[in-house]
N, C-alpha and C. Protein backbone atom coordinates (compact mmCIF):
# COMPACT_ATOMS: atom_id res chain seq x y z
N MET A 1 9.56 11.90 7.91
CA MET A 1 9.86 11.23 9.13
C MET A 1 8.76 10.70 9.92
N ILE A 2 7.54 11.43 9.80
CA ILE A 2 6.36 10.81 10.50
C ILE A 2 5.97 9.61 9.74
N ARG A 3 5.94 9.61 8.48
CA ARG A 3 5.49 8.61 7.66
C ARG A 3 6.29 7.18 8.00
N LYS A 4 7.72 7.45 8.24
CA LYS A 4 8.34 6.20 8.55
C LYS A 4 8.49 5.91 9.98
N TYR A 5 8.30 6.84 10.85
CA TYR A 5 8.56 6.63 12.38
C TYR A 5 7.29 7.09 13.09
N GLY A 6 6.24 7.20 12.52
CA GLY A 6 5.05 7.66 13.21
C GLY A 6 4.66 6.77 14.46
N LYS A 7 4.78 5.48 14.32
CA LYS A 7 4.33 4.70 15.45
C LYS A 7 5.21 4.92 16.63
N ALA A 8 6.58 4.87 16.20
CA ALA A 8 7.57 5.23 17.40
C ALA A 8 7.41 6.52 18.03
N LEU A 9 7.15 7.56 17.19
CA LEU A 9 7.00 8.81 17.56
C LEU A 9 5.74 8.98 18.57
N ALA A 10 4.64 8.22 18.13
CA ALA A 10 3.47 8.33 19.01
C ALA A 10 3.81 7.68 20.40
N ALA A 11 4.46 6.51 20.38
CA ALA A 11 4.83 5.76 21.63
C ALA A 11 5.64 6.72 22.48
N VAL A 12 6.79 7.51 22.00
CA VAL A 12 7.57 8.31 22.52
C VAL A 12 6.72 9.44 23.07
N ALA A 13 5.80 10.00 22.58
CA ALA A 13 5.01 10.99 22.87
C ALA A 13 4.06 10.55 24.19
N GLY A 14 3.72 9.39 24.23
CA GLY A 14 2.93 8.69 25.31
C GLY A 14 4.00 8.58 26.43
N ALA A 15 5.04 8.15 26.27
CA ALA A 15 6.00 7.96 27.34
C ALA A 15 6.33 9.27 27.98
N ALA A 16 6.49 10.32 27.02
CA ALA A 16 6.81 11.78 27.53
C ALA A 16 5.71 12.36 28.41
N LEU A 17 4.35 12.07 27.92
CA LEU A 17 3.32 12.53 28.69
C LEU A 17 3.08 11.72 30.15
N THR A 18 3.66 10.52 30.01
CA THR A 18 3.52 9.70 31.25
C THR A 18 4.54 10.15 32.02
N VAL A 19 5.79 10.41 31.76
CA VAL A 19 6.81 11.05 32.52
C VAL A 19 6.43 12.37 33.24
N ALA A 20 5.93 13.34 32.23
CA ALA A 20 5.39 14.64 32.72
C ALA A 20 4.29 14.47 33.80
N TYR A 21 3.57 13.56 33.49
CA TYR A 21 2.34 13.37 34.56
C TYR A 21 2.82 13.07 35.74
N GLY A 22 3.57 11.84 35.71
CA GLY A 22 4.10 11.41 37.03
C GLY A 22 4.95 12.32 37.69
N ALA A 23 5.81 13.16 37.11
CA ALA A 23 6.52 14.31 37.88
C ALA A 23 5.62 15.44 38.23
N LEU A 24 4.87 15.67 37.60
CA LEU A 24 4.08 17.12 37.92
C LEU A 24 2.72 16.81 38.65
N SER A 25 2.14 15.59 38.66
CA SER A 25 0.94 15.42 39.35
C SER A 25 1.08 15.26 40.85
N GLY A 26 -0.05 15.55 41.77
CA GLY A 26 0.09 14.98 42.97
C GLY A 26 1.01 15.84 43.80
N ASP A 27 1.95 15.06 44.49
CA ASP A 27 3.01 15.65 45.43
C ASP A 27 4.41 16.17 44.61
N GLN A 28 4.22 16.11 43.42
CA GLN A 28 5.48 16.66 42.66
C GLN A 28 6.73 15.85 42.76
N ARG A 29 6.42 14.59 43.10
CA ARG A 29 7.62 13.58 43.27
C ARG A 29 7.17 12.35 42.58
N ILE A 30 8.07 11.66 41.98
CA ILE A 30 7.72 10.26 41.24
C ILE A 30 7.81 9.26 42.46
N GLU A 31 6.63 8.77 42.71
CA GLU A 31 6.48 7.61 43.65
C GLU A 31 6.69 6.36 42.89
N PRO A 32 6.87 5.16 43.84
CA PRO A 32 7.34 3.90 43.15
C PRO A 32 6.27 3.40 42.02
N ASP A 33 5.19 3.63 42.32
CA ASP A 33 4.12 3.15 41.32
C ASP A 33 4.24 4.08 40.16
N GLU A 34 4.44 5.24 40.16
CA GLU A 34 4.43 6.18 39.10
C GLU A 34 5.89 5.75 38.16
N ALA A 35 7.01 5.43 39.11
CA ALA A 35 8.20 5.05 38.51
C ALA A 35 8.02 3.73 37.60
N VAL A 36 7.09 2.82 38.02
CA VAL A 36 6.76 1.54 37.33
C VAL A 36 6.04 2.02 35.99
N GLN A 37 5.01 2.84 36.22
CA GLN A 37 4.29 3.43 35.01
C GLN A 37 5.31 4.07 33.90
N ILE A 38 6.26 4.82 34.43
CA ILE A 38 7.20 5.44 33.52
C ILE A 38 8.03 4.48 32.85
N ALA A 39 8.49 3.39 33.50
CA ALA A 39 9.38 2.35 33.04
C ALA A 39 8.62 1.42 31.92
N ILE A 40 7.38 1.18 32.13
CA ILE A 40 6.52 0.54 31.14
C ILE A 40 6.20 1.39 29.86
N ALA A 41 6.11 2.65 30.13
CA ALA A 41 5.73 3.64 29.12
C ALA A 41 7.33 3.71 28.11
N ALA A 42 8.29 3.61 28.95
CA ALA A 42 9.58 3.79 28.27
C ALA A 42 9.76 2.37 27.45
N ALA A 43 9.39 1.36 28.11
CA ALA A 43 9.50 -0.05 27.34
C ALA A 43 8.58 -0.02 26.16
N THR A 44 7.47 0.60 26.23
CA THR A 44 6.60 0.62 25.18
C THR A 44 7.24 1.32 23.98
N ALA A 45 7.70 2.55 24.27
CA ALA A 45 8.32 3.26 23.12
C ALA A 45 9.47 2.57 22.52
N ILE A 46 10.31 1.88 23.29
CA ILE A 46 11.52 1.16 22.75
C ILE A 46 11.08 0.00 22.00
N GLY A 47 9.99 -0.79 22.61
CA GLY A 47 9.48 -1.97 21.72
C GLY A 47 8.79 -1.62 20.49
N VAL A 48 8.05 -0.59 20.62
CA VAL A 48 7.41 -0.15 19.16
C VAL A 48 8.48 0.26 18.21
N TYR A 49 9.61 0.94 18.53
CA TYR A 49 10.63 1.32 17.65
C TYR A 49 11.39 0.07 17.02
N LEU A 50 11.71 -0.92 18.15
CA LEU A 50 12.59 -1.97 17.73
C LEU A 50 11.79 -3.14 17.00
N VAL A 51 10.63 -3.25 17.17
CA VAL A 51 9.96 -4.34 16.54
C VAL A 51 9.64 -4.05 15.00
N PRO A 52 10.01 -4.93 14.12
CA PRO A 52 9.76 -4.48 12.61
C PRO A 52 8.64 -4.80 12.21
N LEU A 53 8.03 -4.44 11.13
CA LEU A 53 6.79 -4.76 10.56
C LEU A 53 7.27 -5.72 9.30
N THR A 54 6.45 -6.79 9.37
CA THR A 54 6.62 -7.67 8.07
C THR A 54 5.28 -7.86 7.49
N PRO A 55 5.38 -8.37 6.31
CA PRO A 55 4.22 -8.41 5.51
C PRO A 55 3.24 -9.24 6.32
N GLN A 56 3.35 -10.23 6.79
CA GLN A 56 2.49 -11.17 7.50
C GLN A 56 1.91 -10.51 8.91
N TYR A 57 2.90 -9.66 9.51
CA TYR A 57 2.59 -9.12 10.89
C TYR A 57 2.70 -7.52 10.81
N ARG A 58 1.75 -6.89 10.04
CA ARG A 58 1.76 -5.45 9.94
C ARG A 58 1.22 -4.88 11.05
N TRP A 59 0.67 -5.63 12.04
CA TRP A 59 0.11 -5.16 13.29
C TRP A 59 1.13 -5.30 14.40
N ALA A 60 2.36 -5.66 14.08
CA ALA A 60 3.41 -5.93 15.34
C ALA A 60 3.63 -4.98 16.29
N LYS A 61 3.75 -3.77 15.76
CA LYS A 61 4.22 -2.63 16.56
C LYS A 61 2.84 -2.10 17.43
N THR A 62 1.79 -2.34 16.81
CA THR A 62 0.62 -2.08 17.78
C THR A 62 0.29 -3.07 18.78
N ALA A 63 0.65 -4.29 18.41
CA ALA A 63 0.55 -5.45 19.45
C ALA A 63 1.41 -5.36 20.57
N VAL A 64 2.74 -4.74 20.35
CA VAL A 64 3.70 -4.42 21.47
C VAL A 64 2.93 -3.28 22.33
N ALA A 65 2.45 -2.31 21.71
CA ALA A 65 1.69 -1.26 22.41
C ALA A 65 0.64 -1.77 23.29
N VAL A 66 -0.12 -2.57 22.72
CA VAL A 66 -1.32 -3.03 23.53
C VAL A 66 -0.94 -4.08 24.59
N VAL A 67 -0.03 -5.03 24.30
CA VAL A 67 0.59 -5.94 25.51
C VAL A 67 1.10 -5.08 26.72
N LEU A 68 2.01 -3.92 26.33
CA LEU A 68 2.48 -3.35 27.42
C LEU A 68 1.63 -2.41 28.11
N SER A 69 0.48 -1.84 27.41
CA SER A 69 -0.52 -1.02 28.04
C SER A 69 -1.30 -1.93 28.94
N VAL A 70 -1.56 -3.08 28.61
CA VAL A 70 -2.31 -4.14 29.64
C VAL A 70 -1.45 -4.39 30.72
N LEU A 71 -0.23 -4.38 30.55
CA LEU A 71 0.71 -4.55 31.79
C LEU A 71 0.75 -3.30 32.62
N GLN A 72 0.53 -2.12 31.91
CA GLN A 72 0.39 -0.93 32.66
C GLN A 72 -0.86 -0.78 33.54
N VAL A 73 -1.92 -1.37 32.99
CA VAL A 73 -3.11 -1.43 33.81
C VAL A 73 -3.02 -2.30 34.97
N LEU A 74 -2.43 -3.54 34.59
CA LEU A 74 -2.30 -4.47 35.91
C LEU A 74 -1.32 -3.88 36.83
N ALA A 75 -0.16 -3.35 36.42
CA ALA A 75 0.74 -2.82 37.43
C ALA A 75 -0.02 -1.74 38.24
N THR A 76 -0.69 -0.90 37.56
CA THR A 76 -1.27 0.22 38.37
C THR A 76 -2.38 -0.21 39.27
N VAL A 77 -3.28 -1.11 38.74
CA VAL A 77 -4.10 -1.50 39.97
C VAL A 77 -3.60 -2.43 40.86
N ILE A 78 -2.45 -3.16 40.71
CA ILE A 78 -1.96 -4.06 41.74
C ILE A 78 -1.14 -3.22 42.62
N LEU A 79 -0.35 -2.22 42.08
CA LEU A 79 0.73 -1.61 42.99
C LEU A 79 -0.05 -0.45 43.82
N GLY A 80 -0.81 0.46 43.11
CA GLY A 80 -1.33 1.52 43.76
C GLY A 80 -2.95 1.61 43.97
N GLY A 81 -3.63 0.86 43.31
CA GLY A 81 -5.17 0.94 43.46
C GLY A 81 -5.51 2.13 42.31
N LEU A 82 -6.71 2.29 42.27
CA LEU A 82 -7.19 3.33 41.57
C LEU A 82 -7.89 4.61 42.09
N ASP A 83 -7.08 5.56 41.97
CA ASP A 83 -7.75 7.00 42.25
C ASP A 83 -7.62 7.83 40.93
N SER A 84 -7.91 9.21 41.06
CA SER A 84 -8.08 9.93 39.87
C SER A 84 -6.73 10.00 39.24
N ASN A 85 -5.52 9.96 40.11
CA ASN A 85 -4.41 10.25 39.35
C ASN A 85 -4.02 8.89 38.28
N GLU A 86 -4.30 7.60 38.89
CA GLU A 86 -4.22 6.40 38.33
C GLU A 86 -5.04 6.26 36.92
N TRP A 87 -6.24 6.83 37.06
CA TRP A 87 -6.99 6.91 35.87
C TRP A 87 -6.60 7.70 34.78
N ILE A 88 -5.91 8.73 35.11
CA ILE A 88 -5.36 9.69 34.11
C ILE A 88 -4.09 8.89 33.47
N ALA A 89 -3.32 8.09 34.30
CA ALA A 89 -2.30 7.62 33.71
C ALA A 89 -2.71 6.32 32.92
N LEU A 90 -3.81 5.71 33.12
CA LEU A 90 -4.42 4.58 32.28
C LEU A 90 -4.83 5.15 31.07
N LEU A 91 -5.51 6.46 31.21
CA LEU A 91 -6.06 7.13 29.91
C LEU A 91 -4.77 7.39 29.06
N LEU A 92 -3.77 7.83 29.55
CA LEU A 92 -2.38 8.16 28.79
C LEU A 92 -2.04 6.76 28.04
N ALA A 93 -2.07 5.78 28.94
CA ALA A 93 -1.70 4.29 28.19
C ALA A 93 -2.58 3.91 27.08
N ALA A 94 -3.97 4.18 27.18
CA ALA A 94 -5.02 4.03 26.07
C ALA A 94 -4.66 4.97 24.97
N LEU A 95 -4.33 6.16 25.20
CA LEU A 95 -4.19 7.08 24.17
C LEU A 95 -2.91 6.77 23.33
N THR A 96 -1.93 6.10 24.16
CA THR A 96 -0.64 5.74 23.43
C THR A 96 -0.89 4.58 22.46
N VAL A 97 -1.81 3.54 22.96
CA VAL A 97 -2.13 2.51 21.88
C VAL A 97 -2.80 3.01 20.93
N LEU A 98 -3.83 3.87 20.89
CA LEU A 98 -4.61 4.56 19.74
C LEU A 98 -3.55 5.22 18.83
N GLY A 99 -2.79 5.90 19.47
CA GLY A 99 -1.84 6.82 18.64
C GLY A 99 -0.86 5.77 17.89
N VAL A 100 -0.46 4.80 18.45
CA VAL A 100 0.44 3.96 17.76
C VAL A 100 -0.30 3.14 16.75
N GLY A 101 -1.57 2.76 17.04
CA GLY A 101 -2.43 2.01 16.05
C GLY A 101 -2.71 2.88 14.91
N ALA A 102 -2.86 4.30 15.06
CA ALA A 102 -3.26 4.94 14.09
C ALA A 102 -2.16 5.62 13.12
N ALA A 103 -1.05 5.71 13.77
CA ALA A 103 0.23 6.22 13.03
C ALA A 103 0.79 5.49 12.03
N PRO A 104 1.32 5.86 10.91
CA PRO A 104 1.95 5.21 9.96
C PRO A 104 3.19 4.82 10.39
N ALA A 105 3.88 3.82 9.68
CA ALA A 105 5.13 3.23 9.90
C ALA A 105 5.60 2.58 8.67
N VAL A 106 7.11 2.67 8.44
CA VAL A 106 7.68 1.88 7.38
C VAL A 106 8.95 1.24 8.08
N SER A 107 8.98 -0.12 7.99
CA SER A 107 10.22 -0.72 8.55
C SER A 107 11.30 -0.62 7.53
N SER A 108 12.64 -0.90 7.86
CA SER A 108 13.88 -0.82 7.07
C SER A 108 13.68 -1.85 5.93
N ASN A 109 12.80 -2.89 6.11
CA ASN A 109 12.73 -3.95 5.05
C ASN A 109 11.62 -3.51 3.88
N GLY A 110 11.13 -2.30 4.13
CA GLY A 110 10.13 -1.55 3.28
C GLY A 110 8.79 -1.94 3.42
N THR A 111 8.48 -2.77 4.58
CA THR A 111 6.93 -3.08 4.66
C THR A 111 6.42 -1.85 5.55
N SER A 112 5.24 -1.68 5.18
CA SER A 112 4.54 -0.57 5.87
C SER A 112 3.35 -1.09 6.61
N ASN A 113 2.70 -0.28 7.51
CA ASN A 113 1.52 -0.87 8.20
C ASN A 113 0.31 -0.75 7.33
N ALA A 114 0.37 -0.09 6.33
CA ALA A 114 -0.80 0.08 5.34
C ALA A 114 -1.24 -1.30 4.77
N THR A 115 -2.46 -1.56 4.46
CA THR A 115 -3.09 -2.86 3.92
C THR A 115 -2.35 -2.69 2.58
N PRO A 116 -1.95 -4.10 2.19
CA PRO A 116 -1.31 -4.26 0.80
C PRO A 116 -2.39 -4.05 -0.07
N ARG A 117 -2.09 -3.56 -1.28
CA ARG A 117 -3.07 -3.34 -2.36
C ARG A 117 -3.27 -4.80 -3.16
N GLN A 118 -4.37 -5.07 -3.44
CA GLN A 118 -4.59 -6.27 -4.17
C GLN A 118 -4.59 -5.88 -5.59
N PRO A 119 -3.78 -6.64 -6.41
CA PRO A 119 -3.74 -6.30 -7.89
C PRO A 119 -5.18 -6.53 -8.38
N THR A 120 -5.56 -5.53 -9.27
CA THR A 120 -6.66 -5.62 -9.98
C THR A 120 -6.65 -6.63 -11.01
N PRO A 121 -7.71 -7.46 -11.11
CA PRO A 121 -7.79 -8.71 -12.10
C PRO A 121 -7.88 -7.94 -13.52
N THR A 122 -7.20 -8.55 -14.37
CA THR A 122 -7.23 -7.97 -15.80
C THR A 122 -7.87 -9.27 -16.51
N THR A 123 -8.92 -8.97 -17.19
CA THR A 123 -9.61 -10.04 -18.01
C THR A 123 -9.19 -9.81 -19.49
N SER A 124 -9.03 -10.83 -20.10
CA SER A 124 -8.62 -10.67 -21.49
C SER A 124 -9.99 -11.01 -22.34
N GLN A 125 -10.04 -10.08 -23.19
CA GLN A 125 -11.47 -10.14 -24.13
C GLN A 125 -10.99 -10.89 -25.25
N PRO A 126 -11.89 -11.66 -25.76
CA PRO A 126 -11.61 -12.42 -27.13
C PRO A 126 -11.69 -11.46 -28.19
N ALA A 127 -10.72 -11.54 -29.18
CA ALA A 127 -10.66 -10.73 -30.30
C ALA A 127 -11.80 -10.79 -31.36
């Protein structure tokens, strides 16, 4: 299961940590800026799961995580400014990207994120 859904599981773990941090940090309430962070983390998990890997775009799932994490940074800076709570939320977004990038995945079309092996050239020897 990890081998097939590793990238999606890493994104779900990042989203779960973002929800837990938003709910448990500070005043124990989810403020509007934290709700936006949670929504972006959930969109990251859903996007990473839904985007298929194709032979020419083996990095597609990681790209989705990167784009949405950049949006996470922008939303955090614009909506709430940067204090210690926001820095931790941004660290969670960065760890999500690293987890998605490092985790294995195989799409239903059989494409994996692993680099395809190049066939070894065979040379024919004269008899």
